[in-house]
Amino acid sequence: MAQSNDQSTLESMRKWVVDHKLRAVGTLWLSGIGSSIAYNWSRTNMKPSVKIIHARLHAQAFTLAALAGAAAVEYYDHHHSGSNSSAKQYAN
């Protein structure tokens, strides 16, 4: 029973990401830059401009990871969901 509950939770998360790709990428970016700024600001041996540059670079890496993750979810959804794929409605 726990396995089916875990599977349904995973399936609902996957469906949410498929339906809200931009929101998922934006949320990951915002949390990434926020945590990066918090981490860099705790380091006292760097100038503020360097801290901001490092935070921006970390946010770019988080964005690329989120886009790759959204692409993987879309690929999985396209190949494994059958007729429920949202990509098929735009194919015609």
PDB file of N, CA and C in Angstrom:
ATOM      1  N   MET A   1       0.812  -1.183   0.000  1.00  0.00           N
ATOM      2  CA  MET A   1       0.000   0.000   0.000  1.00  0.00           C
ATOM      3  C   MET A   1       0.861   1.255   0.000  1.00  0.00           C
ATOM      4  N   ALA A   2       1.953   1.260   0.714  1.00  0.00           N
ATOM      5  CA  ALA A   2       2.834   2.430   0.754  1.00  0.00           C
ATOM      6  C   ALA A   2       3.450   2.682  -0.616  1.00  0.00           C
ATOM      7  N   GLN A   3       3.732   1.621  -1.351  1.00  0.00           N
ATOM      8  CA  GLN A   3       4.324   1.789  -2.674  1.00  0.00           C
ATOM      9  C   GLN A   3       3.345   2.479  -3.623  1.00  0.00           C
ATOM     10  N   SER A   4       2.063   2.123  -3.579  1.00  0.00           N
ATOM     11  CA  SER A   4       1.086   2.760  -4.453  1.00  0.00           C
ATOM     12  C   SER A   4       0.880   4.217  -4.059  1.00  0.00           C
ATOM     13  N   ASN A   5       0.941   4.524  -2.769  1.00  0.00           N
ATOM     14  CA  ASN A   5       0.820   5.905  -2.318  1.00  0.00           C
ATOM     15  C   ASN A   5       2.011   6.731  -2.787  1.00  0.00           C
ATOM     16  N   ASP A   6       3.235   6.162  -2.682  1.00  0.00           N
ATOM     17  CA  ASP A   6       4.427   6.847  -3.168  1.00  0.00           C
ATOM     18  C   ASP A   6       4.351   7.060  -4.667  1.00  0.00           C
ATOM     19  N   GLN A   7       3.859   6.059  -5.389  1.00  0.00           N
ATOM     20  CA  GLN A   7       3.763   6.158  -6.837  1.00  0.00           C
ATOM     21  C   GLN A   7       2.745   7.219  -7.232  1.00  0.00           C
ATOM     22  N   SER A   8       1.622   7.295  -6.541  1.00  0.00           N
ATOM     23  CA  SER A   8       0.631   8.307  -6.874  1.00  0.00           C
ATOM     24  C   SER A   8       1.149   9.705  -6.536  1.00  0.00           C
ATOM     25  N   THR A   9       1.923   9.841  -5.465  1.00  0.00           N
ATOM     26  CA  THR A   9       2.512  11.127  -5.126  1.00  0.00           C
ATOM     27  C   THR A   9       3.515  11.535  -6.194  1.00  0.00           C
ATOM     28  N   LEU A  10       4.347  10.599  -6.624  1.00  0.00           N
ATOM     29  CA  LEU A  10       5.315  10.883  -7.676  1.00  0.00           C
ATOM     30  C   LEU A  10       4.598  11.236  -8.977  1.00  0.00           C
ATOM     31  N   GLU A  11       3.542  10.524  -9.283  1.00  0.00           N
ATOM     32  CA  GLU A  11       2.777  10.788 -10.501  1.00  0.00           C
ATOM     33  C   GLU A  11       2.112  12.161 -10.437  1.00  0.00           C
ATOM     34  N   SER A  12       1.590  12.537  -9.285  1.00  0.00           N
ATOM     35  CA  SER A  12       0.960  13.853  -9.169  1.00  0.00           C
ATOM     36  C   SER A  12       2.002  14.964  -9.265  1.00  0.00           C
ATOM     37  N   MET A  13       3.191  14.744  -8.718  1.00  0.00           N
ATOM     38  CA  MET A  13       4.263  15.733  -8.861  1.00  0.00           C
ATOM     39  C   MET A  13       4.681  15.865 -10.325  1.00  0.00           C
ATOM     40  N   ARG A  14       4.805  14.748 -11.032  1.00  0.00           N
ATOM     41  CA  ARG A  14       5.180  14.772 -12.441  1.00  0.00           C
ATOM     42  C   ARG A  14       4.130  15.517 -13.250  1.00  0.00           C
ATOM     43  N   LYS A  15       2.864  15.262 -12.964  1.00  0.00           N
ATOM     44  CA  LYS A  15       1.788  15.936 -13.687  1.00  0.00           C
ATOM     45  C   LYS A  15       1.806  17.438 -13.432  1.00  0.00           C
ATOM     46  N   TRP A  16       2.088  17.832 -12.177  1.00  0.00           N
ATOM     47  CA  TRP A  16       2.155  19.256 -11.873  1.00  0.00           C
ATOM     48  C   TRP A  16       3.288  19.913 -12.645  1.00  0.00           C
ATOM     49  N   VAL A  17       4.452  19.268 -12.708  1.00  0.00           N
ATOM     50  CA  VAL A  17       5.590  19.838 -13.439  1.00  0.00           C
ATOM     51  C   VAL A  17       5.268  19.940 -14.921  1.00  0.00           C
ATOM     52  N   VAL A  18       4.592  18.940 -15.480  1.00  0.00           N
ATOM     53  CA  VAL A  18       4.219  18.985 -16.892  1.00  0.00           C
ATOM     54  C   VAL A  18       3.261  20.141 -17.146  1.00  0.00           C
ATOM     55  N   ASP A  19       2.313  20.356 -16.241  1.00  0.00           N
ATOM     56  CA  ASP A  19       1.322  21.416 -16.419  1.00  0.00           C
ATOM     57  C   ASP A  19       1.864  22.808 -16.124  1.00  0.00           C
ATOM     58  N   HIS A  20       2.891  22.913 -15.292  1.00  0.00           N
ATOM     59  CA  HIS A  20       3.416  24.213 -14.859  1.00  0.00           C
ATOM     60  C   HIS A  20       4.937  24.285 -15.046  1.00  0.00           C
ATOM     61  N   LYS A  21       5.402  24.062 -16.252  1.00  0.00           N
ATOM     62  CA  LYS A  21       6.845  24.036 -16.501  1.00  0.00           C
ATOM     63  C   LYS A  21       7.523  25.355 -16.142  1.00  0.00           C
ATOM     64  N   LEU A  22       6.985  26.464 -16.612  1.00  0.00           N
ATOM     65  CA  LEU A  22       7.624  27.756 -16.355  1.00  0.00           C
ATOM     66  C   LEU A  22       7.596  28.110 -14.873  1.00  0.00           C
ATOM     67  N   ARG A  23       6.520  27.788 -14.201  1.00  0.00           N
ATOM     68  CA  ARG A  23       6.436  28.051 -12.766  1.00  0.00           C
ATOM     69  C   ARG A  23       7.476  27.208 -12.022  1.00  0.00           C
ATOM     70  N   ALA A  24       7.671  25.973 -12.440  1.00  0.00           N
ATOM     71  CA  ALA A  24       8.657  25.118 -11.784  1.00  0.00           C
ATOM     72  C   ALA A  24      10.067  25.652 -11.999  1.00  0.00           C
ATOM     73  N   VAL A  25      10.376  26.066 -13.223  1.00  0.00           N
ATOM     74  CA  VAL A  25      11.704  26.625 -13.511  1.00  0.00           C
ATOM     75  C   VAL A  25      11.900  27.926 -12.742  1.00  0.00           C
ATOM     76  N   GLY A  26      10.889  28.792 -12.719  1.00  0.00           N
ATOM     77  CA  GLY A  26      10.993  30.055 -11.997  1.00  0.00           C
ATOM     78  C   GLY A  26      11.162  29.859 -10.503  1.00  0.00           C
ATOM     79  N   THR A  27      10.441  28.901  -9.946  1.00  0.00           N
ATOM     80  CA  THR A  27      10.558  28.619  -8.517  1.00  0.00           C
ATOM     81  C   THR A  27      11.946  28.099  -8.179  1.00  0.00           C
ATOM     82  N   LEU A  28      12.463  27.218  -9.010  1.00  0.00           N
ATOM     83  CA  LEU A  28      13.809  26.704  -8.771  1.00  0.00           C
ATOM     84  C   LEU A  28      14.837  27.818  -8.887  1.00  0.00           C
ATOM     85  N   TRP A  29      14.663  28.699  -9.875  1.00  0.00           N
ATOM     86  CA  TRP A  29      15.595  29.801 -10.055  1.00  0.00           C
ATOM     87  C   TRP A  29      15.559  30.729  -8.841  1.00  0.00           C
ATOM     88  N   LEU A  30      14.351  31.086  -8.405  1.00  0.00           N
ATOM     89  CA  LEU A  30      14.224  31.994  -7.262  1.00  0.00           C
ATOM     90  C   LEU A  30      14.818  31.397  -5.989  1.00  0.00           C
ATOM     91  N   SER A  31      14.533  30.132  -5.740  1.00  0.00           N
ATOM     92  CA  SER A  31      15.092  29.505  -4.544  1.00  0.00           C
ATOM     93  C   SER A  31      16.604  29.352  -4.665  1.00  0.00           C
ATOM     94  N   GLY A  32      17.085  29.092  -5.869  1.00  0.00           N
ATOM     95  CA  GLY A  32      18.531  28.973  -6.078  1.00  0.00           C
ATOM     96  C   GLY A  32      19.256  30.278  -5.854  1.00  0.00           C
ATOM     97  N   ILE A  33      18.733  31.359  -6.434  1.00  0.00           N
ATOM     98  CA  ILE A  33      19.421  32.641  -6.258  1.00  0.00           C
ATOM     99  C   ILE A  33      19.292  33.132  -4.821  1.00  0.00           C
ATOM    100  N   GLY A  34      18.148  32.875  -4.197  1.00  0.00           N
ATOM    101  CA  GLY A  34      17.986  33.277  -2.796  1.00  0.00           C
ATOM    102  C   GLY A  34      18.959  32.555  -1.874  1.00  0.00           C
ATOM    103  N   SER A  35      19.077  31.251  -2.053  1.00  0.00           N
ATOM    104  CA  SER A  35      20.007  30.497  -1.204  1.00  0.00           C
ATOM    105  C   SER A  35      21.454  30.838  -1.524  1.00  0.00           C
ATOM    106  N   SER A  36      21.750  31.122  -2.784  1.00  0.00           N
ATOM    107  CA  SER A  36      23.111  31.490  -3.151  1.00  0.00           C
ATOM    108  C   SER A  36      23.494  32.846  -2.560  1.00  0.00           C
ATOM    109  N   ILE A  37      22.560  33.805  -2.604  1.00  0.00           N
ATOM    110  CA  ILE A  37      22.839  35.115  -2.005  1.00  0.00           C
ATOM    111  C   ILE A  37      23.023  34.963  -0.496  1.00  0.00           C
ATOM    112  N   ALA A  38      22.170  34.158   0.137  1.00  0.00           N
ATOM    113  CA  ALA A  38      22.299  33.951   1.586  1.00  0.00           C
ATOM    114  C   ALA A  38      23.650  33.310   1.926  1.00  0.00           C
ATOM    115  N   TYR A  39      24.060  32.332   1.141  1.00  0.00           N
ATOM    116  CA  TYR A  39      25.350  31.674   1.391  1.00  0.00           C
ATOM    117  C   TYR A  39      26.501  32.641   1.160  1.00  0.00           C
ATOM    118  N   ASN A  40      26.471  33.354   0.044  1.00  0.00           N
ATOM    119  CA  ASN A  40      27.575  34.263  -0.270  1.00  0.00           C
ATOM    120  C   ASN A  40      27.632  35.436   0.706  1.00  0.00           C
ATOM    121  N   TRP A  41      26.479  35.894   1.193  1.00  0.00           N
ATOM    122  CA  TRP A  41      26.484  37.013   2.123  1.00  0.00           C
ATOM    123  C   TRP A  41      27.052  36.609   3.478  1.00  0.00           C
ATOM    124  N   SER A  42      27.012  35.328   3.793  1.00  0.00           N
ATOM    125  CA  SER A  42      27.584  34.876   5.063  1.00  0.00           C
ATOM    126  C   SER A  42      29.111  34.807   5.010  1.00  0.00           C
ATOM    127  N   ARG A  43      29.650  34.862   3.829  1.00  0.00           N
ATOM    128  CA  ARG A  43      31.109  34.854   3.670  1.00  0.00           C
ATOM    129  C   ARG A  43      31.604  36.299   3.735  1.00  0.00           C
ATOM    130  N   THR A  44      32.446  36.576   4.687  1.00  0.00           N
ATOM    131  CA  THR A  44      32.854  37.962   4.935  1.00  0.00           C
ATOM    132  C   THR A  44      34.086  38.390   4.149  1.00  0.00           C
ATOM    133  N   ASN A  45      34.756  37.477   3.493  1.00  0.00           N
ATOM    134  CA  ASN A  45      36.008  37.823   2.836  1.00  0.00           C
ATOM    135  C   ASN A  45      35.837  38.218   1.359  1.00  0.00           C
ATOM    136  N   MET A  46      34.606  38.478   0.902  1.00  0.00           N
ATOM    137  CA  MET A  46      34.378  38.858  -0.498  1.00  0.00           C
ATOM    138  C   MET A  46      33.677  40.216  -0.563  1.00  0.00           C
ATOM    139  N   LYS A  47      33.955  40.950  -1.656  1.00  0.00           N
ATOM    140  CA  LYS A  47      33.264  42.210  -1.881  1.00  0.00           C
ATOM    141  C   LYS A  47      31.818  41.927  -2.298  1.00  0.00           C
ATOM    142  N   PRO A  48      30.897  42.856  -2.051  1.00  0.00           N
ATOM    143  CA  PRO A  48      29.486  42.651  -2.426  1.00  0.00           C
ATOM    144  C   PRO A  48      29.286  42.393  -3.917  1.00  0.00           C
ATOM    145  N   SER A  49      30.071  43.036  -4.767  1.00  0.00           N
ATOM    146  CA  SER A  49      29.916  42.814  -6.207  1.00  0.00           C
ATOM    147  C   SER A  49      30.276  41.374  -6.585  1.00  0.00           C
ATOM    148  N   VAL A  50      31.276  40.825  -5.942  1.00  0.00           N
ATOM    149  CA  VAL A  50      31.672  39.434  -6.207  1.00  0.00           C
ATOM    150  C   VAL A  50      30.599  38.478  -5.700  1.00  0.00           C
ATOM    151  N   LYS A  51      29.992  38.805  -4.556  1.00  0.00           N
ATOM    152  CA  LYS A  51      28.920  37.976  -4.012  1.00  0.00           C
ATOM    153  C   LYS A  51      27.733  37.924  -4.977  1.00  0.00           C
ATOM    154  N   ILE A  52      27.377  39.064  -5.550  1.00  0.00           N
ATOM    155  CA  ILE A  52      26.258  39.115  -6.497  1.00  0.00           C
ATOM    156  C   ILE A  52      26.587  38.348  -7.773  1.00  0.00           C
ATOM    157  N   ILE A  53      27.812  38.475  -8.248  1.00  0.00           N
ATOM    158  CA  ILE A  53      28.231  37.745  -9.451  1.00  0.00           C
ATOM    159  C   ILE A  53      28.171  36.242  -9.200  1.00  0.00           C
ATOM    160  N   HIS A  54      28.637  35.797  -8.056  1.00  0.00           N
ATOM    161  CA  HIS A  54      28.579  34.362  -7.739  1.00  0.00           C
ATOM    162  C   HIS A  54      27.139  33.877  -7.631  1.00  0.00           C
ATOM    163  N   ALA A  55      26.285  34.683  -7.027  1.00  0.00           N
ATOM    164  CA  ALA A  55      24.872  34.305  -6.916  1.00  0.00           C
ATOM    165  C   ALA A  55      24.244  34.193  -8.300  1.00  0.00           C
ATOM    166  N   ARG A  56      24.566  35.098  -9.193  1.00  0.00           N
ATOM    167  CA  ARG A  56      24.016  35.049 -10.549  1.00  0.00           C
ATOM    168  C   ARG A  56      24.503  33.813 -11.303  1.00  0.00           C
ATOM    169  N   LEU A  57      25.767  33.479 -11.145  1.00  0.00           N
ATOM    170  CA  LEU A  57      26.292  32.278 -11.804  1.00  0.00           C
ATOM    171  C   LEU A  57      25.626  31.018 -11.267  1.00  0.00           C
ATOM    172  N   HIS A  58      25.410  30.964  -9.959  1.00  0.00           N
ATOM    173  CA  HIS A  58      24.711  29.809  -9.382  1.00  0.00           C
ATOM    174  C   HIS A  58      23.278  29.738  -9.901  1.00  0.00           C
ATOM    175  N   ALA A  59      22.608  30.888 -10.013  1.00  0.00           N
ATOM    176  CA  ALA A  59      21.231  30.903 -10.513  1.00  0.00           C
ATOM    177  C   ALA A  59      21.178  30.421 -11.962  1.00  0.00           C
ATOM    178  N   GLN A  60      22.165  30.766 -12.766  1.00  0.00           N
ATOM    179  CA  GLN A  60      22.198  30.276 -14.149  1.00  0.00           C
ATOM    180  C   GLN A  60      22.348  28.760 -14.185  1.00  0.00           C
ATOM    181  N   ALA A  61      23.169  28.226 -13.314  1.00  0.00           N
ATOM    182  CA  ALA A  61      23.333  26.769 -13.260  1.00  0.00           C
ATOM    183  C   ALA A  61      22.035  26.102 -12.813  1.00  0.00           C
ATOM    184  N   PHE A  62      21.358  26.691 -11.814  1.00  0.00           N
ATOM    185  CA  PHE A  62      20.064  26.153 -11.371  1.00  0.00           C
ATOM    186  C   PHE A  62      19.035  26.199 -12.502  1.00  0.00           C
ATOM    187  N   THR A  63      19.050  27.269 -13.280  1.00  0.00           N
ATOM    188  CA  THR A  63      18.102  27.407 -14.388  1.00  0.00           C
ATOM    189  C   THR A  63      18.343  26.338 -15.443  1.00  0.00           C
ATOM    190  N   LEU A  64      19.597  26.117 -15.794  1.00  0.00           N
ATOM    191  CA  LEU A  64      19.902  25.068 -16.773  1.00  0.00           C
ATOM    192  C   LEU A  64      19.481  23.698 -16.256  1.00  0.00           C
ATOM    193  N   ALA A  65      19.703  23.445 -14.977  1.00  0.00           N
ATOM    194  CA  ALA A  65      19.290  22.162 -14.397  1.00  0.00           C
ATOM    195  C   ALA A  65      17.767  22.026 -14.419  1.00  0.00           C
ATOM    196  N   ALA A  66      17.060  23.107 -14.118  1.00  0.00           N
ATOM    197  CA  ALA A  66      15.594  23.057 -14.125  1.00  0.00           C
ATOM    198  C   ALA A  66      15.065  22.849 -15.538  1.00  0.00           C
ATOM    199  N   LEU A  67      15.659  23.510 -16.516  1.00  0.00           N
ATOM    200  CA  LEU A  67      15.233  23.322 -17.898  1.00  0.00           C
ATOM    201  C   LEU A  67      15.510  21.899 -18.380  1.00  0.00           C
ATOM    202  N   ALA A  68      16.649  21.360 -17.987  1.00  0.00           N
ATOM    203  CA  ALA A  68      16.952  19.970 -18.348  1.00  0.00           C
ATOM    204  C   ALA A  68      15.967  19.017 -17.671  1.00  0.00           C
ATOM    205  N   GLY A  69      15.631  19.292 -16.418  1.00  0.00           N
ATOM    206  CA  GLY A  69      14.651  18.464 -15.722  1.00  0.00           C
ATOM    207  C   GLY A  69      13.278  18.547 -16.357  1.00  0.00           C
ATOM    208  N   ALA A  70      12.854  19.761 -16.750  1.00  0.00           N
ATOM    209  CA  ALA A  70      11.552  19.919 -17.412  1.00  0.00           C
ATOM    210  C   ALA A  70      11.547  19.213 -18.757  1.00  0.00           C
ATOM    211  N   ALA A  71      12.670  19.253 -19.468  1.00  0.00           N
ATOM    212  CA  ALA A  71      12.757  18.543 -20.745  1.00  0.00           C
ATOM    213  C   ALA A  71      12.684  17.034 -20.532  1.00  0.00           C
ATOM    214  N   ALA A  72      13.318  16.551 -19.480  1.00  0.00           N
ATOM    215  CA  ALA A  72      13.261  15.112 -19.190  1.00  0.00           C
ATOM    216  C   ALA A  72      11.842  14.690 -18.829  1.00  0.00           C
ATOM    217  N   VAL A  73      11.147  15.510 -18.049  1.00  0.00           N
ATOM    218  CA  VAL A  73       9.760  15.191 -17.694  1.00  0.00           C
ATOM    219  C   VAL A  73       8.884  15.211 -18.941  1.00  0.00           C
ATOM    220  N   GLU A  74       9.082  16.181 -19.807  1.00  0.00           N
ATOM    221  CA  GLU A  74       8.295  16.260 -21.045  1.00  0.00           C
ATOM    222  C   GLU A  74       8.574  15.058 -21.941  1.00  0.00           C
ATOM    223  N   TYR A  75       9.837  14.661 -22.044  1.00  0.00           N
ATOM    224  CA  TYR A  75      10.206  13.486 -22.837  1.00  0.00           C
ATOM    225  C   TYR A  75       9.541  12.237 -22.277  1.00  0.00           C
ATOM    226  N   TYR A  76       9.623  12.074 -20.948  1.00  0.00           N
ATOM    227  CA  TYR A  76       8.996  10.924 -20.298  1.00  0.00           C
ATOM    228  C   TYR A  76       7.491  10.939 -20.533  1.00  0.00           C
ATOM    229  N   ASP A  77       6.877  12.100 -20.383  1.00  0.00           N
ATOM    230  CA  ASP A  77       5.437  12.227 -20.561  1.00  0.00           C
ATOM    231  C   ASP A  77       5.037  11.914 -21.997  1.00  0.00           C
ATOM    232  N   HIS A  78       5.818  12.372 -22.931  1.00  0.00           N
ATOM    233  CA  HIS A  78       5.514  12.155 -24.348  1.00  0.00           C
ATOM    234  C   HIS A  78       5.616  10.680 -24.737  1.00  0.00           C
ATOM    235  N   HIS A  79       6.590   9.969 -24.180  1.00  0.00           N
ATOM    236  CA  HIS A  79       6.819   8.581 -24.580  1.00  0.00           C
ATOM    237  C   HIS A  79       6.099   7.542 -23.724  1.00  0.00           C
ATOM    238  N   HIS A  80       5.662   7.913 -22.541  1.00  0.00           N
ATOM    239  CA  HIS A  80       5.094   6.902 -21.649  1.00  0.00           C
ATOM    240  C   HIS A  80       3.638   7.127 -21.255  1.00  0.00           C
ATOM    241  N   SER A  81       3.044   8.244 -21.636  1.00  0.00           N
ATOM    242  CA  SER A  81       1.692   8.494 -21.147  1.00  0.00           C
ATOM    243  C   SER A  81       0.610   8.130 -22.153  1.00  0.00           C
ATOM    244  N   GLY A  82       0.964   7.753 -23.336  1.00  0.00           N
ATOM    245  CA  GLY A  82      -0.036   7.344 -24.316  1.00  0.00           C
ATOM    246  C   GLY A  82      -0.805   8.525 -24.862  1.00  0.00           C
ATOM    247  N   SER A  83      -2.130   8.467 -24.853  1.00  0.00           N
ATOM    248  CA  SER A  83      -2.956   9.498 -25.467  1.00  0.00           C
ATOM    249  C   SER A  83      -3.168  10.714 -24.566  1.00  0.00           C
ATOM    250  N   ASN A  84      -2.663  10.711 -23.339  1.00  0.00           N
ATOM    251  CA  ASN A  84      -2.856  11.823 -22.428  1.00  0.00           C
ATOM    252  C   ASN A  84      -1.811  12.920 -22.588  1.00  0.00           C
ATOM    253  N   SER A  85      -0.896  12.765 -23.513  1.00  0.00           N
ATOM    254  CA  SER A  85       0.190  13.721 -23.654  1.00  0.00           C
ATOM    255  C   SER A  85      -0.295  15.065 -24.136  1.00  0.00           C
ATOM    256  N   SER A  86       0.136  16.142 -23.472  1.00  0.00           N
ATOM    257  CA  SER A  86      -0.251  17.489 -23.886  1.00  0.00           C
ATOM    258  C   SER A  86       0.466  17.893 -25.168  1.00  0.00           C
ATOM    259  N   ALA A  87       1.590  17.262 -25.497  1.00  0.00           N
ATOM    260  CA  ALA A  87       2.311  17.597 -26.720  1.00  0.00           C
ATOM    261  C   ALA A  87       1.539  17.143 -27.958  1.00  0.00           C
ATOM    262  N   LYS A  88       0.752  16.089 -27.838  1.00  0.00           N
ATOM    263  CA  LYS A  88       0.033  15.580 -29.003  1.00  0.00           C
ATOM    264  C   LYS A  88      -1.052  16.526 -29.478  1.00  0.00           C
ATOM    265  N   GLN A  89      -1.589  17.359 -28.592  1.00  0.00           N
ATOM    266  CA  GLN A  89      -2.641  18.269 -29.020  1.00  0.00           C
ATOM    267  C   GLN A  89      -2.084  19.368 -29.921  1.00  0.00           C
ATOM    268  N   TYR A  90      -0.782  19.658 -29.838  1.00  0.00           N
ATOM    269  CA  TYR A  90      -0.167  20.676 -30.662  1.00  0.00           C
ATOM    270  C   TYR A  90       0.486  20.089 -31.915  1.00  0.00           C
ATOM    271  N   ALA A  91       0.562  18.790 -31.996  1.00  0.00           N
ATOM    272  CA  ALA A  91       1.228  18.135 -33.129  1.00  0.00           C
ATOM    273  C   ALA A  91       0.403  18.230 -34.404  1.00  0.00           C
ATOM    274  N   ASN A  92      -0.890  18.319 -34.308  1.00  0.00           N
ATOM    275  CA  ASN A  92      -1.752  18.363 -35.493  1.00  0.00           C
ATOM    276  C   ASN A  92      -1.924  19.747 -36.020  1.00  0.00           C
TER     277      ASN A  92
END
